[in-house]
Amino acid sequence: PNDYLCDSFIKKYCVGNNDNQIFYIDSHHLSNTG
């Protein structure tokens, strides 16, 4: 999963969301969208 959530939207960071999607339901579990 980190190949897609890290270093892609923002270089050198893993994101929990982007401008219109929330990828996590908390701090460590993916949402349905994620």
Full PDB file with SEQRES, HELIX, SHEET, SSBOND, CRYST1, ORIGX, SCALE, CONECT and MASTER records, all heavy atoms in Angstrom:
SEQRES   1 A   34  PRO ASN ASP TYR LEU CYS ASP SER PHE ILE LYS LYS TYR          
SEQRES   2 A   34  CYS VAL GLY ASN ASN ASP ASN GLN ILE PHE TYR ILE ASP          
SEQRES   3 A   34  SER HIS HIS LEU SER ASN THR GLY                              
HELIX    1 AA1 ASN A    2  LEU A    5  1                                   4    
SSBOND   1 CYS A    6    CYS A   14                          1555   1555  1.96  
CRYST1    1.000    1.000    1.000  90.00  90.00  90.00 P 1           1          
ORIGX1      1.000000  0.000000  0.000000        0.00000                         
ORIGX2      0.000000  1.000000  0.000000        0.00000                         
ORIGX3      0.000000  0.000000  1.000000        0.00000                         
SCALE1      1.000000  0.000000  0.000000        0.00000                         
SCALE2      0.000000  1.000000  0.000000        0.00000                         
SCALE3      0.000000  0.000000  1.000000        0.00000                         
ATOM      1  N   PRO A   1       0.804  -1.224   0.000  1.00  0.00           N  
ATOM      2  CA  PRO A   1       0.000   0.000   0.000  1.00  0.00           C  
ATOM      3  C   PRO A   1       0.842   1.282   0.000  1.00  0.00           C  
ATOM      4  O   PRO A   1       0.462   2.277  -0.616  1.00  0.00           O  
ATOM      5  CB  PRO A   1      -0.818  -0.095   1.288  1.00  0.00           C  
ATOM      6  CG  PRO A   1      -0.781  -1.521   1.676  1.00  0.00           C  
ATOM      7  CD  PRO A   1       0.470  -2.099   1.116  1.00  0.00           C  
ATOM      8  N   ASN A   2       1.991   1.228   0.638  1.00  0.00           N  
ATOM      9  CA  ASN A   2       2.813   2.430   0.734  1.00  0.00           C  
ATOM     10  C   ASN A   2       3.396   2.856  -0.606  1.00  0.00           C  
ATOM     11  O   ASN A   2       3.756   4.019  -0.784  1.00  0.00           O  
ATOM     12  CB  ASN A   2       3.918   2.247   1.772  1.00  0.00           C  
ATOM     13  CG  ASN A   2       3.343   2.027   3.152  1.00  0.00           C  
ATOM     14  OD1 ASN A   2       2.205   2.401   3.426  1.00  0.00           O  
ATOM     15  ND2 ASN A   2       4.098   1.402   4.025  1.00  0.00           N  
ATOM     16  N   ASP A   3       3.443   1.937  -1.571  1.00  0.00           N  
ATOM     17  CA  ASP A   3       3.897   2.312  -2.908  1.00  0.00           C  
ATOM     18  C   ASP A   3       2.947   3.320  -3.551  1.00  0.00           C  
ATOM     19  O   ASP A   3       3.328   4.036  -4.469  1.00  0.00           O  
ATOM     20  CB  ASP A   3       3.992   1.083  -3.822  1.00  0.00           C  
ATOM     21  CG  ASP A   3       5.206   0.219  -3.532  1.00  0.00           C  
ATOM     22  OD1 ASP A   3       6.050   0.597  -2.698  1.00  0.00           O  
ATOM     23  OD2 ASP A   3       5.297  -0.860  -4.153  1.00  0.00           O  
ATOM     24  N   TYR A   4       1.710   3.366  -3.072  1.00  0.00           N  
ATOM     25  CA  TYR A   4       0.694   4.225  -3.680  1.00  0.00           C  
ATOM     26  C   TYR A   4       0.310   5.410  -2.797  1.00  0.00           C  
ATOM     27  O   TYR A   4      -0.142   6.427  -3.316  1.00  0.00           O  
ATOM     28  CB  TYR A   4      -0.540   3.385  -4.031  1.00  0.00           C  
ATOM     29  CG  TYR A   4      -0.117   2.178  -4.821  1.00  0.00           C  
ATOM     30  CD1 TYR A   4       0.005   0.930  -4.224  1.00  0.00           C  
ATOM     31  CD2 TYR A   4       0.257   2.309  -6.154  1.00  0.00           C  
ATOM     32  CE1 TYR A   4       0.467  -0.160  -4.945  1.00  0.00           C  
ATOM     33  CE2 TYR A   4       0.721   1.229  -6.880  1.00  0.00           C  
ATOM     34  CZ  TYR A   4       0.820  -0.011  -6.267  1.00  0.00           C  
ATOM     35  OH  TYR A   4       1.295  -1.084  -6.980  1.00  0.00           O  
ATOM     36  N   LEU A   5       0.498   5.269  -1.496  1.00  0.00           N  
ATOM     37  CA  LEU A   5       0.127   6.348  -0.576  1.00  0.00           C  
ATOM     38  C   LEU A   5       1.334   7.182  -0.145  1.00  0.00           C  
ATOM     39  O   LEU A   5       1.165   8.220   0.482  1.00  0.00           O  
ATOM     40  CB  LEU A   5      -0.566   5.765   0.665  1.00  0.00           C  
ATOM     41  CG  LEU A   5      -1.891   5.057   0.387  1.00  0.00           C  
ATOM     42  CD1 LEU A   5      -2.398   4.351   1.637  1.00  0.00           C  
ATOM     43  CD2 LEU A   5      -2.928   6.037  -0.137  1.00  0.00           C  
ATOM     44  N   CYS A   6       2.521   6.727  -0.465  1.00  0.00           N  
ATOM     45  CA  CYS A   6       3.734   7.420  -0.046  1.00  0.00           C  
ATOM     46  C   CYS A   6       4.540   7.876  -1.264  1.00  0.00           C  
ATOM     47  O   CYS A   6       4.637   7.152  -2.250  1.00  0.00           O  
ATOM     48  CB  CYS A   6       4.610   6.511   0.817  1.00  0.00           C  
ATOM     49  SG  CYS A   6       3.769   5.902   2.294  1.00  0.00           S  
ATOM     50  N   ASP A   7       5.091   9.053  -1.143  1.00  0.00           N  
ATOM     51  CA  ASP A   7       5.988   9.606  -2.164  1.00  0.00           C  
ATOM     52  C   ASP A   7       5.295   9.747  -3.517  1.00  0.00           C  
ATOM     53  O   ASP A   7       5.947   9.772  -4.548  1.00  0.00           O  
ATOM     54  CB  ASP A   7       7.242   8.734  -2.293  1.00  0.00           C  
ATOM     55  CG  ASP A   7       8.452   9.519  -2.771  1.00  0.00           C  
ATOM     56  OD1 ASP A   7       8.507  10.734  -2.541  1.00  0.00           O  
ATOM     57  OD2 ASP A   7       9.328   8.900  -3.391  1.00  0.00           O  
ATOM     58  N   SER A   8       3.969   9.826  -3.522  1.00  0.00           N  
ATOM     59  CA  SER A   8       3.260   9.970  -4.786  1.00  0.00           C  
ATOM     60  C   SER A   8       2.468  11.278  -4.831  1.00  0.00           C  
ATOM     61  O   SER A   8       2.650  12.061  -5.745  1.00  0.00           O  
ATOM     62  CB  SER A   8       2.345   8.766  -5.036  1.00  0.00           C  
ATOM     63  OG  SER A   8       1.478   8.573  -3.961  1.00  0.00           O  
ATOM     64  N   PHE A   9       1.628  11.516  -3.861  1.00  0.00           N  
ATOM     65  CA  PHE A   9       0.869  12.761  -3.826  1.00  0.00           C  
ATOM     66  C   PHE A   9       1.766  13.931  -3.431  1.00  0.00           C  
ATOM     67  O   PHE A   9       1.701  15.004  -4.014  1.00  0.00           O  
ATOM     68  CB  PHE A   9      -0.304  12.663  -2.846  1.00  0.00           C  
ATOM     69  CG  PHE A   9      -1.370  11.706  -3.289  1.00  0.00           C  
ATOM     70  CD1 PHE A   9      -1.414  10.423  -2.796  1.00  0.00           C  
ATOM     71  CD2 PHE A   9      -2.323  12.096  -4.217  1.00  0.00           C  
ATOM     72  CE1 PHE A   9      -2.391   9.528  -3.206  1.00  0.00           C  
ATOM     73  CE2 PHE A   9      -3.302  11.226  -4.641  1.00  0.00           C  
ATOM     74  CZ  PHE A   9      -3.330   9.938  -4.132  1.00  0.00           C  
ATOM     75  N   ILE A  10       2.581  13.700  -2.394  1.00  0.00           N  
ATOM     76  CA  ILE A  10       3.543  14.708  -1.924  1.00  0.00           C  
ATOM     77  C   ILE A  10       4.877  13.991  -1.741  1.00  0.00           C  
ATOM     78  O   ILE A  10       4.964  13.020  -0.985  1.00  0.00           O  
ATOM     79  CB  ILE A  10       3.102  15.343  -0.584  1.00  0.00           C  
ATOM     80  CG1 ILE A  10       1.734  16.018  -0.737  1.00  0.00           C  
ATOM     81  CG2 ILE A  10       4.140  16.350  -0.106  1.00  0.00           C  
ATOM     82  CD1 ILE A  10       1.153  16.531   0.577  1.00  0.00           C  
ATOM     83  N   LYS A  11       5.887  14.448  -2.437  1.00  0.00           N  
ATOM     84  CA  LYS A  11       7.208  13.805  -2.355  1.00  0.00           C  
ATOM     85  C   LYS A  11       7.694  13.753  -0.906  1.00  0.00           C  
ATOM     86  O   LYS A  11       7.550  14.709  -0.156  1.00  0.00           O  
ATOM     87  CB  LYS A  11       8.234  14.553  -3.207  1.00  0.00           C  
ATOM     88  CG  LYS A  11       7.995  14.411  -4.685  1.00  0.00           C  
ATOM     89  CD  LYS A  11       8.235  12.981  -5.112  1.00  0.00           C  
ATOM     90  CE  LYS A  11       7.996  12.802  -6.591  1.00  0.00           C  
ATOM     91  NZ  LYS A  11       7.851  11.439  -6.975  1.00  0.00           N  
ATOM     92  N   LYS A  12       8.242  12.579  -0.541  1.00  0.00           N  
ATOM     93  CA  LYS A  12       8.838  12.306   0.764  1.00  0.00           C  
ATOM     94  C   LYS A  12       7.824  12.189   1.903  1.00  0.00           C  
ATOM     95  O   LYS A  12       8.206  12.168   3.061  1.00  0.00           O  
ATOM     96  CB  LYS A  12       9.900  13.353   1.117  1.00  0.00           C  
ATOM     97  CG  LYS A  12      11.049  13.385   0.129  1.00  0.00           C  
ATOM     98  CD  LYS A  12      12.102  14.374   0.557  1.00  0.00           C  
ATOM     99  CE  LYS A  12      13.203  14.414  -0.479  1.00  0.00           C  
ATOM    100  NZ  LYS A  12      14.285  15.291  -0.114  1.00  0.00           N  
ATOM    101  N   TYR A  13       6.529  12.078   1.576  1.00  0.00           N  
ATOM    102  CA  TYR A  13       5.501  11.936   2.610  1.00  0.00           C  
ATOM    103  C   TYR A  13       4.509  10.844   2.251  1.00  0.00           C  
ATOM    104  O   TYR A  13       4.237  10.593   1.081  1.00  0.00           O  
ATOM    105  CB  TYR A  13       4.730  13.247   2.799  1.00  0.00           C  
ATOM    106  CG  TYR A  13       5.538  14.308   3.496  1.00  0.00           C  
ATOM    107  CD1 TYR A  13       6.259  15.238   2.760  1.00  0.00           C  
ATOM    108  CD2 TYR A  13       5.608  14.358   4.880  1.00  0.00           C  
ATOM    109  CE1 TYR A  13       7.022  16.202   3.384  1.00  0.00           C  
ATOM    110  CE2 TYR A  13       6.369  15.322   5.520  1.00  0.00           C  
ATOM    111  CZ  TYR A  13       7.068  16.241   4.770  1.00  0.00           C  
ATOM    112  OH  TYR A  13       7.828  17.192   5.395  1.00  0.00           O  
ATOM    113  N   CYS A  14       3.937  10.239   3.293  1.00  0.00           N  
ATOM    114  CA  CYS A  14       2.813   9.324   3.154  1.00  0.00           C  
ATOM    115  C   CYS A  14       1.571  10.103   3.568  1.00  0.00           C  
ATOM    116  O   CYS A  14       1.558  10.717   4.643  1.00  0.00           O  
ATOM    117  CB  CYS A  14       2.987   8.110   4.056  1.00  0.00           C  
ATOM    118  SG  CYS A  14       4.445   7.132   3.655  1.00  0.00           S  
ATOM    119  N   VAL A  15       0.549  10.066   2.733  1.00  0.00           N  
ATOM    120  CA  VAL A  15      -0.628  10.884   2.995  1.00  0.00           C  
ATOM    121  C   VAL A  15      -1.785  10.051   3.536  1.00  0.00           C  
ATOM    122  O   VAL A  15      -1.930   8.870   3.218  1.00  0.00           O  
ATOM    123  CB  VAL A  15      -1.076  11.651   1.732  1.00  0.00           C  
ATOM    124  CG1 VAL A  15       0.017  12.590   1.250  1.00  0.00           C  
ATOM    125  CG2 VAL A  15      -1.495  10.702   0.628  1.00  0.00           C  
ATOM    126  N   GLY A  16      -2.601  10.701   4.344  1.00  0.00           N  
ATOM    127  CA  GLY A  16      -3.806  10.080   4.872  1.00  0.00           C  
ATOM    128  C   GLY A  16      -5.036  10.472   4.077  1.00  0.00           C  
ATOM    129  O   GLY A  16      -6.097   9.887   4.224  1.00  0.00           O  
ATOM    130  N   ASN A  17      -4.872  11.491   3.240  1.00  0.00           N  
ATOM    131  CA  ASN A  17      -5.959  11.989   2.402  1.00  0.00           C  
ATOM    132  C   ASN A  17      -5.356  12.769   1.245  1.00  0.00           C  
ATOM    133  O   ASN A  17      -4.165  13.050   1.237  1.00  0.00           O  
ATOM    134  CB  ASN A  17      -6.909  12.874   3.212  1.00  0.00           C  
ATOM    135  CG  ASN A  17      -6.235  14.119   3.755  1.00  0.00           C  
ATOM    136  OD1 ASN A  17      -5.256  14.038   4.501  1.00  0.00           O  
ATOM    137  ND2 ASN A  17      -6.740  15.274   3.382  1.00  0.00           N  
ATOM    138  N   ASN A  18      -6.213  13.098   0.281  1.00  0.00           N  
ATOM    139  CA  ASN A  18      -5.800  14.047  -0.749  1.00  0.00           C  
ATOM    140  C   ASN A  18      -6.861  15.134  -0.788  1.00  0.00           C  
ATOM    141  O   ASN A  18      -7.647  15.254   0.165  1.00  0.00           O  
ATOM    142  CB  ASN A  18      -5.547  13.360  -2.097  1.00  0.00           C  
ATOM    143  CG  ASN A  18      -6.774  12.740  -2.714  1.00  0.00           C  
ATOM    144  OD1 ASN A  18      -7.908  13.009  -2.320  1.00  0.00           O  
ATOM    145  ND2 ASN A  18      -6.576  11.897  -3.701  1.00  0.00           N  
ATOM    146  N   ASP A  19      -6.941  15.872  -1.847  1.00  0.00           N  
ATOM    147  CA  ASP A  19      -7.890  16.989  -1.888  1.00  0.00           C  
ATOM    148  C   ASP A  19      -9.348  16.577  -1.803  1.00  0.00           C  
ATOM    149  O   ASP A  19     -10.185  17.359  -1.366  1.00  0.00           O  
ATOM    150  CB  ASP A  19      -7.668  17.824  -3.155  1.00  0.00           C  
ATOM    151  CG  ASP A  19      -6.371  18.601  -3.116  1.00  0.00           C  
ATOM    152  OD1 ASP A  19      -5.890  18.919  -2.003  1.00  0.00           O  
ATOM    153  OD2 ASP A  19      -5.828  18.888  -4.195  1.00  0.00           O  
ATOM    154  N   ASN A  20      -9.669  15.367  -2.221  1.00  0.00           N  
ATOM    155  CA  ASN A  20     -11.081  14.975  -2.214  1.00  0.00           C  
ATOM    156  C   ASN A  20     -11.353  13.558  -1.704  1.00  0.00           C  
ATOM    157  O   ASN A  20     -12.460  13.069  -1.849  1.00  0.00           O  
ATOM    158  CB  ASN A  20     -11.688  15.147  -3.614  1.00  0.00           C  
ATOM    159  CG  ASN A  20     -10.948  14.355  -4.671  1.00  0.00           C  
ATOM    160  OD1 ASN A  20     -10.042  13.593  -4.353  1.00  0.00           O  
ATOM    161  ND2 ASN A  20     -11.325  14.525  -5.919  1.00  0.00           N  
ATOM    162  N   GLN A  21     -10.352  12.900  -1.125  1.00  0.00           N  
ATOM    163  CA  GLN A  21     -10.552  11.536  -0.610  1.00  0.00           C  
ATOM    164  C   GLN A  21      -9.842  11.381   0.731  1.00  0.00           C  
ATOM    165  O   GLN A  21      -8.738  11.898   0.925  1.00  0.00           O  
ATOM    166  CB  GLN A  21      -9.970  10.509  -1.576  1.00  0.00           C  
ATOM    167  CG  GLN A  21     -10.626  10.505  -2.939  1.00  0.00           C  
ATOM    168  CD  GLN A  21      -9.878   9.621  -3.914  1.00  0.00           C  
ATOM    169  OE1 GLN A  21      -8.679   9.780  -4.102  1.00  0.00           O  
ATOM    170  NE2 GLN A  21     -10.580   8.696  -4.540  1.00  0.00           N  
ATOM    171  N   ILE A  22     -10.477  10.629   1.621  1.00  0.00           N  
ATOM    172  CA  ILE A  22      -9.853  10.280   2.903  1.00  0.00           C  
ATOM    173  C   ILE A  22      -9.512   8.798   2.828  1.00  0.00           C  
ATOM    174  O   ILE A  22     -10.383   7.951   2.629  1.00  0.00           O  
ATOM    175  CB  ILE A  22     -10.788  10.572   4.092  1.00  0.00           C  
ATOM    176  CG1 ILE A  22     -11.126  12.070   4.116  1.00  0.00           C  
ATOM    177  CG2 ILE A  22     -10.150  10.133   5.403  1.00  0.00           C  
ATOM    178  CD1 ILE A  22     -12.157  12.440   5.164  1.00  0.00           C  
ATOM    179  N   PHE A  23      -8.227   8.473   2.980  1.00  0.00           N  
ATOM    180  CA  PHE A  23      -7.758   7.103   2.795  1.00  0.00           C  
ATOM    181  C   PHE A  23      -7.790   6.251   4.065  1.00  0.00           C  
ATOM    182  O   PHE A  23      -7.646   5.037   3.987  1.00  0.00           O  
ATOM    183  CB  PHE A  23      -6.339   7.103   2.224  1.00  0.00           C  
ATOM    184  CG  PHE A  23      -6.234   7.773   0.885  1.00  0.00           C  
ATOM    185  CD1 PHE A  23      -5.380   8.833   0.692  1.00  0.00           C  
ATOM    186  CD2 PHE A  23      -7.003   7.349  -0.186  1.00  0.00           C  
ATOM    187  CE1 PHE A  23      -5.270   9.457  -0.541  1.00  0.00           C  
ATOM    188  CE2 PHE A  23      -6.914   7.964  -1.428  1.00  0.00           C  
ATOM    189  CZ  PHE A  23      -6.047   9.017  -1.608  1.00  0.00           C  
ATOM    190  N   TYR A  24      -7.924   6.863   5.232  1.00  0.00           N  
ATOM    191  CA  TYR A  24      -7.902   6.134   6.510  1.00  0.00           C  
ATOM    192  C   TYR A  24      -9.197   6.368   7.271  1.00  0.00           C  
ATOM    193  O   TYR A  24      -9.798   7.435   7.180  1.00  0.00           O  
ATOM    194  CB  TYR A  24      -6.759   6.639   7.391  1.00  0.00           C  
ATOM    195  CG  TYR A  24      -5.367   6.267   6.950  1.00  0.00           C  
ATOM    196  CD1 TYR A  24      -4.763   6.852   5.851  1.00  0.00           C  
ATOM    197  CD2 TYR A  24      -4.628   5.325   7.666  1.00  0.00           C  
ATOM    198  CE1 TYR A  24      -3.476   6.523   5.457  1.00  0.00           C  
ATOM    199  CE2 TYR A  24      -3.334   4.989   7.284  1.00  0.00           C  
ATOM    200  CZ  TYR A  24      -2.766   5.595   6.174  1.00  0.00           C  
ATOM    201  OH  TYR A  24      -1.484   5.266   5.800  1.00  0.00           O  
ATOM    202  N   ILE A  25      -9.581   5.369   8.089  1.00  0.00           N  
ATOM    203  CA  ILE A  25     -10.719   5.560   8.995  1.00  0.00           C  
ATOM    204  C   ILE A  25     -10.243   5.997  10.375  1.00  0.00           C  
ATOM    205  O   ILE A  25     -11.025   6.430  11.200  1.00  0.00           O  
ATOM    206  CB  ILE A  25     -11.606   4.304   9.114  1.00  0.00           C  
ATOM    207  CG1 ILE A  25     -10.814   3.112   9.632  1.00  0.00           C  
ATOM    208  CG2 ILE A  25     -12.271   3.994   7.785  1.00  0.00           C  
ATOM    209  CD1 ILE A  25     -11.666   1.916  10.026  1.00  0.00           C  
ATOM    210  N   ASP A  26      -8.963   5.830  10.634  1.00  0.00           N  
ATOM    211  CA  ASP A  26      -8.351   6.280  11.882  1.00  0.00           C  
ATOM    212  C   ASP A  26      -6.900   6.603  11.544  1.00  0.00           C  
ATOM    213  O   ASP A  26      -6.641   7.182  10.510  1.00  0.00           O  
ATOM    214  CB  ASP A  26      -8.509   5.234  13.006  1.00  0.00           C  
ATOM    215  CG  ASP A  26      -8.053   3.824  12.613  1.00  0.00           C  
ATOM    216  OD1 ASP A  26      -7.237   3.681  11.673  1.00  0.00           O  
ATOM    217  OD2 ASP A  26      -8.502   2.858  13.252  1.00  0.00           O  
ATOM    218  N   SER A  27      -5.955   6.194  12.369  1.00  0.00           N  
ATOM    219  CA  SER A  27      -4.551   6.485  12.061  1.00  0.00           C  
ATOM    220  C   SER A  27      -3.846   5.321  11.358  1.00  0.00           C  
ATOM    221  O   SER A  27      -2.751   5.503  10.837  1.00  0.00           O  
ATOM    222  CB  SER A  27      -3.791   6.824  13.345  1.00  0.00           C  
ATOM    223  OG  SER A  27      -3.778   5.694  14.210  1.00  0.00           O  
ATOM    224  N   HIS A  28      -4.470   4.152  11.342  1.00  0.00           N  
ATOM    225  CA  HIS A  28      -3.752   2.985  10.836  1.00  0.00           C  
ATOM    226  C   HIS A  28      -4.607   1.936  10.117  1.00  0.00           C  
ATOM    227  O   HIS A  28      -4.149   0.841   9.863  1.00  0.00           O  
ATOM    228  CB  HIS A  28      -2.965   2.325  11.972  1.00  0.00           C  
ATOM    229  CG  HIS A  28      -3.811   1.954  13.148  1.00  0.00           C  
ATOM    230  ND1 HIS A  28      -4.249   2.876  14.070  1.00  0.00           N  
ATOM    231  CD2 HIS A  28      -4.299   0.775  13.541  1.00  0.00           C  
ATOM    232  CE1 HIS A  28      -4.972   2.277  14.985  1.00  0.00           C  
ATOM    233  NE2 HIS A  28      -5.019   0.996  14.687  1.00  0.00           N  
ATOM    234  N   HIS A  29      -5.830   2.274   9.765  1.00  0.00           N  
ATOM    235  CA  HIS A  29      -6.676   1.368   8.981  1.00  0.00           C  
ATOM    236  C   HIS A  29      -7.214   2.125   7.772  1.00  0.00           C  
ATOM    237  O   HIS A  29      -7.695   3.256   7.907  1.00  0.00           O  
ATOM    238  CB  HIS A  29      -7.870   0.862   9.802  1.00  0.00           C  
ATOM    239  CG  HIS A  29      -7.494  -0.030  10.919  1.00  0.00           C  
ATOM    240  ND1 HIS A  29      -7.405   0.400  12.216  1.00  0.00           N  
ATOM    241  CD2 HIS A  29      -7.174  -1.347  10.936  1.00  0.00           C  
ATOM    242  CE1 HIS A  29      -7.053  -0.616  12.996  1.00  0.00           C  
ATOM    243  NE2 HIS A  29      -6.895  -1.688  12.237  1.00  0.00           N  
ATOM    244  N   LEU A  30      -7.153   1.478   6.608  1.00  0.00           N  
ATOM    245  CA  LEU A  30      -7.659   2.111   5.407  1.00  0.00           C  
ATOM    246  C   LEU A  30      -9.184   2.204   5.424  1.00  0.00           C  
ATOM    247  O   LEU A  30      -9.866   1.299   5.910  1.00  0.00           O  
ATOM    248  CB  LEU A  30      -7.244   1.321   4.158  1.00  0.00           C  
ATOM    249  CG  LEU A  30      -5.780   1.383   3.759  1.00  0.00           C  
ATOM    250  CD1 LEU A  30      -5.514   0.455   2.573  1.00  0.00           C  
ATOM    251  CD2 LEU A  30      -5.358   2.805   3.430  1.00  0.00           C  
ATOM    252  N   SER A  31      -9.680   3.289   4.896  1.00  0.00           N  
ATOM    253  CA  SER A  31     -11.116   3.435   4.670  1.00  0.00           C  
ATOM    254  C   SER A  31     -11.477   2.616   3.418  1.00  0.00           C  
ATOM    255  O   SER A  31     -10.594   2.095   2.726  1.00  0.00           O  
ATOM    256  CB  SER A  31     -11.453   4.906   4.433  1.00  0.00           C  
ATOM    257  OG  SER A  31     -10.822   5.359   3.240  1.00  0.00           O  
ATOM    258  N   ASN A  32     -12.762   2.511   3.127  1.00  0.00           N  
ATOM    259  CA  ASN A  32     -13.163   1.844   1.889  1.00  0.00           C  
ATOM    260  C   ASN A  32     -12.544   2.549   0.690  1.00  0.00           C  
ATOM    261  O   ASN A  32     -12.073   1.897  -0.251  1.00  0.00           O  
ATOM    262  CB  ASN A  32     -14.689   1.817   1.750  1.00  0.00           C  
ATOM    263  CG  ASN A  32     -15.336   0.840   2.706  1.00  0.00           C  
ATOM    264  OD1 ASN A  32     -14.693  -0.062   3.224  1.00  0.00           O  
ATOM    265  ND2 ASN A  32     -16.621   1.040   2.958  1.00  0.00           N  
ATOM    266  N   THR A  33     -12.515   3.863   0.741  1.00  0.00           N  
ATOM    267  CA  THR A  33     -11.905   4.650  -0.344  1.00  0.00           C  
ATOM    268  C   THR A  33     -10.421   4.328  -0.463  1.00  0.00           C  
ATOM    269  O   THR A  33      -9.903   4.142  -1.566  1.00  0.00           O  
ATOM    270  CB  THR A  33     -12.096   6.154  -0.082  1.00  0.00           C  
ATOM    271  OG1 THR A  33     -13.494   6.422  -0.017  1.00  0.00           O  
ATOM    272  CG2 THR A  33     -11.458   7.000  -1.158  1.00  0.00           C  
ATOM    273  N   GLY A  34      -9.723   4.268   0.679  1.00  0.00           N  
ATOM    274  CA  GLY A  34      -8.294   3.950   0.671  1.00  0.00           C  
ATOM    275  C   GLY A  34      -8.027   2.544   0.154  1.00  0.00           C  
ATOM    276  O   GLY A  34      -7.111   2.328  -0.635  1.00  0.00           O  
TER     277      GLY A  34                                                      
CONECT   49  118                                                                
CONECT  118   49                                                                
MASTER        0    0    0    1    0    0    0    6  276    1    2    3          
END                                                                             
